[in-house]
């Protein structure tokens, strides 16, 4: 399972997770069983199911491997966090 932090043209950051199914030399990624985690300071983490998803390499900021055992123990309903700040160029 991978965690991908993306920057977008609209200058905001998204975080997606999924199983890596493929990639190319420009870091375009194919994620299966993917979802986006939406953080909020007022409520728990919302998971938006995306399924099969292609991430454009130009948008990739960070890629990391997730320890699925540790991740499965998180109580996402009780996690509160401010969304990541916008990208400043």
Protein backbone atom coordinates (compact mmCIF):
# COMPACT_ATOMS: atom_id res chain seq x y z
CA UNK A 1 0.00 0.00 0.00
CA UNK A 2 1.30 3.44 -0.98
CA UNK A 3 0.62 6.91 0.36
CA UNK A 4 0.89 9.62 -2.32
CA UNK A 5 0.89 13.34 -1.57
CA UNK A 6 -0.08 15.35 -4.64
CA UNK A 7 0.00 19.02 -5.53
CA UNK A 8 -2.61 20.26 -7.96
CA UNK A 9 -2.88 23.25 -10.29
CA UNK A 10 -5.41 24.81 -7.94
CA UNK A 11 -2.57 25.01 -5.38
CA UNK A 12 -3.96 22.54 -2.90
CA UNK A 13 -2.62 19.25 -1.62
CA UNK A 14 -4.38 15.87 -1.69
CA UNK A 15 -3.44 12.60 -0.05
CA UNK A 16 -4.30 9.30 -1.71
CA UNK A 17 -3.64 5.71 -0.75
CA UNK A 18 -3.81 2.55 -2.80
CA UNK A 19 -2.08 -0.52 -4.16
CA UNK A 20 0.52 0.28 -6.83
CA UNK A 21 -0.37 -1.50 -10.07
CA UNK A 22 1.97 0.35 -12.44
CA UNK A 23 4.17 3.36 -13.11
CA UNK A 24 6.28 4.87 -15.87
CA UNK A 25 9.43 6.98 -16.27
CA UNK A 26 7.54 10.23 -15.58
CA UNK A 27 6.16 8.90 -12.26
CA UNK A 28 2.60 8.50 -13.55
CA UNK A 29 1.09 6.01 -11.09
CA UNK A 30 -1.76 3.52 -11.35
CA UNK A 31 -3.34 2.85 -7.95
CA UNK A 32 -5.95 0.17 -7.35
CA UNK A 33 -8.32 -0.02 -4.38
CA UNK A 34 -7.44 3.62 -3.77
CA UNK A 35 -9.02 6.21 -1.52
CA UNK A 36 -8.48 9.78 -0.48
CA UNK A 37 -8.36 10.79 3.17
CA UNK A 38 -9.96 14.16 3.86
CA UNK A 39 -8.83 15.75 7.12
CA UNK A 40 -10.84 18.22 9.18
CA UNK A 41 -10.31 20.03 12.47
CA UNK A 42 -13.98 19.61 13.42
CA UNK A 43 -14.71 15.96 12.56
CA UNK A 44 -12.98 12.65 11.98
CA UNK A 45 -11.11 11.68 8.83
CA UNK A 46 -13.39 11.03 5.86
CA UNK A 47 -12.31 8.36 3.37
CA UNK A 48 -13.50 8.86 -0.21
CA UNK A 49 -13.33 5.62 -2.22
CA UNK A 50 -11.75 6.14 -5.65
CA UNK A 51 -11.17 2.58 -6.87
CA UNK A 52 -8.77 2.36 -9.84
CA UNK A 53 -7.05 5.75 -10.06
CA UNK A 54 -4.31 7.31 -12.20
CA UNK A 55 -2.05 9.91 -10.59
CA UNK A 56 -0.25 12.23 -12.99
CA UNK A 57 3.49 12.27 -12.29
CA UNK A 58 3.70 16.07 -12.54
CA UNK A 59 1.50 16.28 -9.43
CA UNK A 60 3.42 13.81 -7.24
CA UNK A 61 5.21 15.47 -4.31
CA UNK A 62 5.90 12.45 -2.04
CA UNK A 63 5.45 8.68 -2.30
CA UNK A 64 5.75 6.43 0.73
CA UNK A 65 5.01 2.84 1.68
CA UNK A 66 2.38 2.28 4.38
CA UNK A 67 2.66 -0.32 7.14
CA UNK A 68 -0.82 -1.80 6.73
CA UNK A 69 -0.82 -3.37 10.21
CA UNK A 70 -0.14 -0.03 11.88
CA UNK A 71 -2.53 1.81 9.56
CA UNK A 72 -5.38 -0.60 10.36
CA UNK A 73 -5.12 0.22 14.08
CA UNK A 74 -5.82 3.95 13.54
CA UNK A 75 -9.20 5.19 14.79
CA UNK A 76 -9.89 7.58 11.90
CA UNK A 77 -13.15 8.75 13.46
CA UNK A 78 -11.24 10.34 16.34
CA UNK A 79 -8.40 11.93 14.35
CA UNK A 80 -8.66 15.70 13.93
CA UNK A 81 -6.20 17.65 11.81
CA UNK A 82 -6.05 20.83 9.81
CA UNK A 83 -5.87 20.22 6.06
CA UNK A 84 -2.40 20.78 4.58
CA UNK A 85 -1.69 24.34 3.49
CA UNK A 86 -1.75 25.43 -0.14
CA UNK A 87 1.41 25.34 -2.21
CA UNK A 88 3.16 28.71 -2.52
CA UNK A 89 5.29 29.16 -5.64
